[in-house]
Amino acid sequence: MRRYRCTACGATCTVVPADVLPRKHFGALTIALAMALYGKLREALARVYEALNPTRIRGHNARGWDSVLRWISLVSTLFPEVRLSPPDFTARQSAERAAMTLAARVLDESLPITARVAHAVCHPP
């Protein structure tokens, strides 16, 4: 993250990579890939954690990756194009809905779901 100060007025401007989300430790790409792995590909939270978390620091009695469940509850806020899920949807169903909504923005259906989701996040319309 870079901050710049205007020499004329003193205002600051922050420049961040395109996939940075406000108040989130992980970027949009990681969050979207977590939706695809957990929702569409039915991976366990522990497997999603291993695939996407570069730090690999875990607390005692860690179950999986609880951040994914928090992201799922906020998915329509994080990705406004994803509609709210019905109240009876499970977390996995909501994650799948998010992943498929993002993947639908990429027309090349020959690509794996993770590649389509990644492309949609990294190359927004």
N, C-alpha and C. Protein backbone atom coordinates (compact mmCIF):
# COMPACT_ATOMS: atom_id res chain seq x y z
N MET A 1 0.84 -1.15 0.00
CA MET A 1 0.00 0.00 0.00
C MET A 1 0.90 1.23 0.00
N ARG A 2 0.59 2.17 -0.85
CA ARG A 2 1.37 3.41 -0.94
C ARG A 2 0.47 4.59 -0.60
N ARG A 3 1.04 5.55 0.12
CA ARG A 3 0.33 6.78 0.43
C ARG A 3 1.10 7.94 -0.17
N TYR A 4 0.34 8.86 -0.74
CA TYR A 4 0.93 10.04 -1.35
C TYR A 4 0.28 11.28 -0.75
N ARG A 5 1.08 12.31 -0.55
CA ARG A 5 0.56 13.58 -0.04
C ARG A 5 0.68 14.63 -1.14
N CYS A 6 -0.42 15.34 -1.36
CA CYS A 6 -0.45 16.41 -2.36
C CYS A 6 0.39 17.57 -1.83
N THR A 7 1.32 18.04 -2.65
CA THR A 7 2.18 19.14 -2.21
C THR A 7 1.43 20.47 -2.19
N ALA A 8 0.34 20.56 -2.92
CA ALA A 8 -0.42 21.82 -2.96
C ALA A 8 -1.38 21.96 -1.78
N CYS A 9 -2.16 20.91 -1.50
CA CYS A 9 -3.20 21.03 -0.47
C CYS A 9 -2.94 20.18 0.77
N GLY A 10 -2.00 19.24 0.71
CA GLY A 10 -1.69 18.41 1.87
C GLY A 10 -2.56 17.18 2.02
N ALA A 11 -3.53 16.99 1.13
CA ALA A 11 -4.40 15.81 1.19
C ALA A 11 -3.58 14.56 0.88
N THR A 12 -4.02 13.43 1.42
CA THR A 12 -3.34 12.17 1.14
C THR A 12 -4.20 11.30 0.25
N CYS A 13 -3.52 10.47 -0.51
CA CYS A 13 -4.17 9.52 -1.41
C CYS A 13 -3.51 8.16 -1.18
N THR A 14 -4.32 7.13 -1.04
CA THR A 14 -3.81 5.78 -0.84
C THR A 14 -4.00 4.97 -2.11
N VAL A 15 -2.95 4.29 -2.54
CA VAL A 15 -3.01 3.46 -3.75
C VAL A 15 -2.73 2.02 -3.34
N VAL A 16 -3.66 1.14 -3.69
CA VAL A 16 -3.55 -0.27 -3.33
C VAL A 16 -3.81 -1.12 -4.57
N PRO A 17 -3.40 -2.38 -4.57
CA PRO A 17 -3.73 -3.26 -5.69
C PRO A 17 -5.24 -3.38 -5.88
N ALA A 18 -5.66 -3.71 -7.09
CA ALA A 18 -7.08 -3.74 -7.43
C ALA A 18 -7.90 -4.71 -6.59
N ASP A 19 -7.30 -5.79 -6.11
CA ASP A 19 -8.10 -6.78 -5.40
C ASP A 19 -8.16 -6.57 -3.88
N VAL A 20 -7.67 -5.44 -3.39
CA VAL A 20 -7.72 -5.17 -1.96
C VAL A 20 -9.15 -4.75 -1.58
N LEU A 21 -9.66 -5.35 -0.52
CA LEU A 21 -10.98 -5.01 -0.02
C LEU A 21 -10.84 -4.22 1.27
N PRO A 22 -11.72 -3.24 1.50
CA PRO A 22 -11.61 -2.44 2.73
C PRO A 22 -11.73 -3.31 3.98
N ARG A 23 -10.85 -3.06 4.95
CA ARG A 23 -10.87 -3.70 6.26
C ARG A 23 -10.78 -5.24 6.21
N LYS A 24 -10.12 -5.76 5.19
CA LYS A 24 -9.92 -7.21 5.09
C LYS A 24 -8.43 -7.50 4.99
N HIS A 25 -7.99 -8.52 5.72
CA HIS A 25 -6.59 -8.92 5.69
C HIS A 25 -6.25 -9.60 4.36
N PHE A 26 -7.18 -10.38 3.84
CA PHE A 26 -6.97 -11.08 2.57
C PHE A 26 -7.65 -10.31 1.44
N GLY A 27 -7.12 -10.45 0.24
CA GLY A 27 -7.65 -9.75 -0.92
C GLY A 27 -8.86 -10.44 -1.52
N ALA A 28 -9.48 -9.74 -2.46
CA ALA A 28 -10.67 -10.25 -3.13
C ALA A 28 -10.39 -11.57 -3.85
N LEU A 29 -9.21 -11.71 -4.41
CA LEU A 29 -8.89 -12.93 -5.12
C LEU A 29 -8.90 -14.13 -4.17
N THR A 30 -8.27 -14.01 -3.02
CA THR A 30 -8.24 -15.10 -2.05
C THR A 30 -9.65 -15.43 -1.57
N ILE A 31 -10.43 -14.41 -1.29
CA ILE A 31 -11.79 -14.63 -0.80
C ILE A 31 -12.64 -15.30 -1.86
N ALA A 32 -12.53 -14.85 -3.10
CA ALA A 32 -13.30 -15.46 -4.19
C ALA A 32 -12.88 -16.91 -4.43
N LEU A 33 -11.57 -17.18 -4.38
CA LEU A 33 -11.11 -18.56 -4.55
C LEU A 33 -11.59 -19.45 -3.40
N ALA A 34 -11.65 -18.88 -2.19
CA ALA A 34 -12.19 -19.64 -1.06
C ALA A 34 -13.64 -20.02 -1.32
N MET A 35 -14.42 -19.11 -1.91
CA MET A 35 -15.82 -19.41 -2.25
C MET A 35 -15.90 -20.56 -3.25
N ALA A 36 -15.01 -20.53 -4.23
CA ALA A 36 -15.02 -21.60 -5.24
C ALA A 36 -14.61 -22.94 -4.64
N LEU A 37 -13.54 -22.94 -3.86
CA LEU A 37 -13.05 -24.20 -3.27
C LEU A 37 -14.05 -24.78 -2.28
N TYR A 38 -14.58 -23.94 -1.40
CA TYR A 38 -15.50 -24.43 -0.37
C TYR A 38 -16.88 -24.70 -0.94
N GLY A 39 -17.38 -23.77 -1.77
CA GLY A 39 -18.75 -23.90 -2.27
C GLY A 39 -18.89 -24.86 -3.43
N LYS A 40 -18.24 -24.55 -4.53
CA LYS A 40 -18.42 -25.35 -5.75
C LYS A 40 -17.64 -26.66 -5.72
N LEU A 41 -16.40 -26.62 -5.26
CA LEU A 41 -15.58 -27.83 -5.28
C LEU A 41 -15.70 -28.67 -4.01
N ARG A 42 -16.46 -28.18 -3.03
CA ARG A 42 -16.80 -28.93 -1.81
C ARG A 42 -15.58 -29.33 -0.97
N GLU A 43 -14.57 -28.47 -0.95
CA GLU A 43 -13.39 -28.74 -0.13
C GLU A 43 -13.71 -28.43 1.34
N ALA A 44 -13.06 -29.12 2.24
CA ALA A 44 -13.19 -28.84 3.67
C ALA A 44 -12.51 -27.52 3.98
N LEU A 45 -12.95 -26.85 5.04
CA LEU A 45 -12.35 -25.57 5.42
C LEU A 45 -10.85 -25.71 5.67
N ALA A 46 -10.44 -26.82 6.26
CA ALA A 46 -9.01 -27.04 6.52
C ALA A 46 -8.23 -27.10 5.20
N ARG A 47 -8.80 -27.71 4.20
CA ARG A 47 -8.14 -27.80 2.88
C ARG A 47 -8.09 -26.43 2.20
N VAL A 48 -9.16 -25.66 2.33
CA VAL A 48 -9.18 -24.30 1.78
C VAL A 48 -8.08 -23.48 2.44
N TYR A 49 -7.95 -23.63 3.74
CA TYR A 49 -6.91 -22.93 4.51
C TYR A 49 -5.53 -23.29 3.97
N GLU A 50 -5.27 -24.57 3.81
CA GLU A 50 -3.96 -25.02 3.33
C GLU A 50 -3.66 -24.49 1.93
N ALA A 51 -4.69 -24.41 1.10
CA ALA A 51 -4.48 -23.97 -0.28
C ALA A 51 -4.26 -22.47 -0.41
N LEU A 52 -4.88 -21.68 0.46
CA LEU A 52 -4.89 -20.23 0.25
C LEU A 52 -4.19 -19.39 1.29
N ASN A 53 -3.94 -19.90 2.48
CA ASN A 53 -3.34 -19.08 3.52
C ASN A 53 -1.83 -19.26 3.53
N PRO A 54 -1.09 -18.25 3.15
CA PRO A 54 0.36 -18.40 3.06
C PRO A 54 1.07 -18.43 4.42
N THR A 55 0.43 -17.96 5.48
CA THR A 55 1.13 -17.86 6.75
C THR A 55 1.20 -19.19 7.49
N ARG A 56 0.18 -20.00 7.36
CA ARG A 56 0.12 -21.32 7.98
C ARG A 56 0.24 -21.27 9.51
N ILE A 57 -0.06 -20.13 10.12
CA ILE A 57 -0.04 -20.03 11.58
C ILE A 57 -1.43 -20.37 12.09
N ARG A 58 -1.51 -21.34 12.96
CA ARG A 58 -2.81 -21.81 13.44
C ARG A 58 -2.84 -21.78 14.95
N GLY A 59 -4.00 -21.45 15.47
CA GLY A 59 -4.18 -21.46 16.91
C GLY A 59 -4.43 -22.88 17.41
N HIS A 60 -4.38 -23.03 18.71
CA HIS A 60 -4.65 -24.32 19.34
C HIS A 60 -6.11 -24.70 19.10
N ASN A 61 -6.37 -25.94 18.77
CA ASN A 61 -7.72 -26.46 18.50
C ASN A 61 -8.38 -25.79 17.29
N ALA A 62 -7.62 -25.34 16.31
CA ALA A 62 -8.19 -24.73 15.12
C ALA A 62 -8.98 -25.78 14.35
N ARG A 63 -10.19 -25.41 13.92
CA ARG A 63 -11.08 -26.35 13.23
C ARG A 63 -10.90 -26.34 11.73
N GLY A 64 -10.68 -25.21 11.19
CA GLY A 64 -10.62 -25.06 9.75
C GLY A 64 -10.18 -23.65 9.47
N TRP A 65 -10.96 -22.94 8.73
CA TRP A 65 -10.65 -21.55 8.47
C TRP A 65 -11.93 -20.76 8.65
N ASP A 66 -12.18 -20.31 9.86
CA ASP A 66 -13.43 -19.65 10.20
C ASP A 66 -13.62 -18.34 9.45
N SER A 67 -12.54 -17.72 8.97
CA SER A 67 -12.68 -16.49 8.19
C SER A 67 -13.57 -16.72 6.98
N VAL A 68 -13.48 -17.90 6.38
CA VAL A 68 -14.30 -18.20 5.20
C VAL A 68 -15.78 -18.08 5.55
N LEU A 69 -16.16 -18.58 6.71
CA LEU A 69 -17.57 -18.50 7.11
C LEU A 69 -18.00 -17.04 7.33
N ARG A 70 -17.11 -16.22 7.85
CA ARG A 70 -17.42 -14.79 8.00
C ARG A 70 -17.55 -14.13 6.62
N TRP A 71 -16.65 -14.48 5.70
CA TRP A 71 -16.72 -13.91 4.36
C TRP A 71 -18.02 -14.30 3.67
N ILE A 72 -18.45 -15.54 3.86
CA ILE A 72 -19.69 -15.99 3.24
C ILE A 72 -20.87 -15.16 3.74
N SER A 73 -20.86 -14.85 5.02
CA SER A 73 -21.97 -14.06 5.57
C SER A 73 -21.97 -12.62 5.03
N LEU A 74 -20.83 -12.16 4.52
CA LEU A 74 -20.70 -10.80 3.98
C LEU A 74 -20.55 -10.77 2.46
N VAL A 75 -20.76 -11.89 1.79
CA VAL A 75 -20.37 -12.01 0.39
C VAL A 75 -21.04 -10.96 -0.50
N SER A 76 -22.29 -10.62 -0.26
CA SER A 76 -22.96 -9.62 -1.09
C SER A 76 -22.41 -8.22 -0.87
N THR A 77 -21.81 -8.00 0.29
CA THR A 77 -21.15 -6.72 0.55
C THR A 77 -19.78 -6.68 -0.11
N LEU A 78 -19.06 -7.80 -0.04
CA LEU A 78 -17.73 -7.87 -0.62
C LEU A 78 -17.77 -7.85 -2.14
N PHE A 79 -18.76 -8.56 -2.70
CA PHE A 79 -18.94 -8.64 -4.15
C PHE A 79 -20.38 -8.24 -4.46
N PRO A 80 -20.64 -6.97 -4.74
CA PRO A 80 -22.02 -6.48 -4.90
C PRO A 80 -22.82 -7.18 -5.99
N GLU A 81 -22.16 -7.79 -6.96
CA GLU A 81 -22.90 -8.48 -8.02
C GLU A 81 -23.52 -9.79 -7.56
N VAL A 82 -23.10 -10.29 -6.39
CA VAL A 82 -23.65 -11.54 -5.85
C VAL A 82 -24.90 -11.21 -5.04
N ARG A 83 -26.03 -11.80 -5.44
CA ARG A 83 -27.28 -11.56 -4.72
C ARG A 83 -27.26 -12.23 -3.36
N LEU A 84 -28.04 -11.69 -2.45
CA LEU A 84 -28.20 -12.32 -1.14
C LEU A 84 -28.77 -13.72 -1.31
N SER A 85 -28.31 -14.64 -0.51
CA SER A 85 -28.84 -16.00 -0.55
C SER A 85 -30.10 -16.08 0.30
N PRO A 86 -31.00 -17.00 -0.04
CA PRO A 86 -32.18 -17.20 0.80
C PRO A 86 -31.76 -17.62 2.21
N PRO A 87 -32.57 -17.33 3.21
CA PRO A 87 -32.20 -17.63 4.60
C PRO A 87 -31.98 -19.12 4.87
N ASP A 88 -32.59 -19.99 4.07
CA ASP A 88 -32.44 -21.42 4.32
C ASP A 88 -31.20 -22.02 3.64
N PHE A 89 -30.42 -21.21 2.94
CA PHE A 89 -29.18 -21.70 2.32
C PHE A 89 -28.14 -22.00 3.40
N THR A 90 -27.39 -23.06 3.18
CA THR A 90 -26.24 -23.33 4.05
C THR A 90 -25.08 -22.43 3.62
N ALA A 91 -24.05 -22.38 4.44
CA ALA A 91 -22.87 -21.58 4.09
C ALA A 91 -22.26 -22.08 2.79
N ARG A 92 -22.24 -23.39 2.62
CA ARG A 92 -21.65 -23.96 1.40
C ARG A 92 -22.47 -23.57 0.16
N GLN A 93 -23.78 -23.56 0.28
CA GLN A 93 -24.63 -23.16 -0.84
C GLN A 93 -24.44 -21.68 -1.18
N SER A 94 -24.30 -20.85 -0.16
CA SER A 94 -24.06 -19.42 -0.39
C SER A 94 -22.71 -19.20 -1.05
N ALA A 95 -21.70 -19.96 -0.63
CA ALA A 95 -20.37 -19.85 -1.25
C ALA A 95 -20.42 -20.30 -2.70
N GLU A 96 -21.15 -21.36 -2.97
CA GLU A 96 -21.27 -21.83 -4.35
C GLU A 96 -21.97 -20.79 -5.21
N ARG A 97 -23.02 -20.18 -4.68
CA ARG A 97 -23.73 -19.14 -5.41
C ARG A 97 -22.79 -17.99 -5.75
N ALA A 98 -21.97 -17.59 -4.79
CA ALA A 98 -21.03 -16.50 -5.01
C ALA A 98 -20.01 -16.88 -6.08
N ALA A 99 -19.44 -18.07 -5.97
CA ALA A 99 -18.43 -18.51 -6.94
C ALA A 99 -19.02 -18.60 -8.34
N MET A 100 -20.21 -19.12 -8.46
CA MET A 100 -20.82 -19.27 -9.79
C MET A 100 -21.23 -17.92 -10.37
N THR A 101 -21.63 -16.98 -9.53
CA THR A 101 -21.95 -15.63 -10.01
C THR A 101 -20.69 -14.97 -10.56
N LEU A 102 -19.59 -15.08 -9.83
CA LEU A 102 -18.34 -14.50 -10.31
C LEU A 102 -17.86 -15.21 -11.57
N ALA A 103 -17.93 -16.53 -11.58
CA ALA A 103 -17.46 -17.30 -12.73
C ALA A 103 -18.28 -17.01 -13.99
N ALA A 104 -19.54 -16.66 -13.82
CA ALA A 104 -20.41 -16.39 -14.97
C ALA A 104 -19.95 -15.17 -15.76
N ARG A 105 -19.13 -14.33 -15.17
CA ARG A 105 -18.61 -13.15 -15.87
C ARG A 105 -17.55 -13.54 -16.90
N VAL A 106 -17.04 -14.76 -16.84
CA VAL A 106 -16.03 -15.24 -17.79
C VAL A 106 -16.70 -16.23 -18.73
N LEU A 107 -16.69 -15.93 -20.00
CA LEU A 107 -17.45 -16.73 -20.95
C LEU A 107 -16.80 -18.04 -21.34
N ASP A 108 -15.51 -18.18 -21.14
CA ASP A 108 -14.80 -19.40 -21.53
C ASP A 108 -15.07 -20.52 -20.52
N GLU A 109 -16.06 -21.34 -20.81
CA GLU A 109 -16.46 -22.41 -19.89
C GLU A 109 -15.49 -23.59 -19.88
N SER A 110 -14.50 -23.57 -20.76
CA SER A 110 -13.51 -24.65 -20.74
C SER A 110 -12.52 -24.49 -19.58
N LEU A 111 -12.44 -23.28 -19.02
CA LEU A 111 -11.55 -23.04 -17.89
C LEU A 111 -12.11 -23.67 -16.62
N PRO A 112 -11.24 -24.13 -15.72
CA PRO A 112 -11.74 -24.63 -14.44
C PRO A 112 -12.39 -23.49 -13.65
N ILE A 113 -13.25 -23.84 -12.73
CA ILE A 113 -14.00 -22.84 -11.96
C ILE A 113 -13.06 -21.87 -11.24
N THR A 114 -11.97 -22.37 -10.69
CA THR A 114 -11.05 -21.48 -9.97
C THR A 114 -10.43 -20.45 -10.91
N ALA A 115 -10.10 -20.84 -12.12
CA ALA A 115 -9.51 -19.92 -13.09
C ALA A 115 -10.54 -18.88 -13.52
N ARG A 116 -11.78 -19.29 -13.69
CA ARG A 116 -12.84 -18.35 -14.08
C ARG A 116 -13.09 -17.33 -12.98
N VAL A 117 -13.13 -17.80 -11.74
CA VAL A 117 -13.35 -16.89 -10.60
C VAL A 117 -12.18 -15.92 -10.48
N ALA A 118 -10.97 -16.44 -10.60
CA ALA A 118 -9.79 -15.58 -10.51
C ALA A 118 -9.78 -14.53 -11.62
N HIS A 119 -10.10 -14.93 -12.80
CA HIS A 119 -10.13 -13.99 -13.93
C HIS A 119 -11.19 -12.93 -13.71
N ALA A 120 -12.35 -13.31 -13.21
CA ALA A 120 -13.43 -12.36 -12.97
C ALA A 120 -13.03 -11.30 -11.94
N VAL A 121 -12.29 -11.72 -10.91
CA VAL A 121 -11.88 -10.79 -9.86
C VAL A 121 -10.73 -9.89 -10.34
N CYS A 122 -9.79 -10.49 -11.05
CA CYS A 122 -8.60 -9.73 -11.47
C CYS A 122 -8.86 -8.84 -12.69
N HIS A 123 -9.91 -9.13 -13.45
CA HIS A 123 -10.23 -8.35 -14.64
C HIS A 123 -11.70 -7.96 -14.59
N PRO A 124 -12.07 -7.06 -13.69
CA PRO A 124 -13.49 -6.69 -13.58
C PRO A 124 -13.98 -6.00 -14.85
N PRO A 125 -15.29 -6.08 -15.09
CA PRO A 125 -15.82 -5.46 -16.33
C PRO A 125 -15.70 -3.96 -16.34
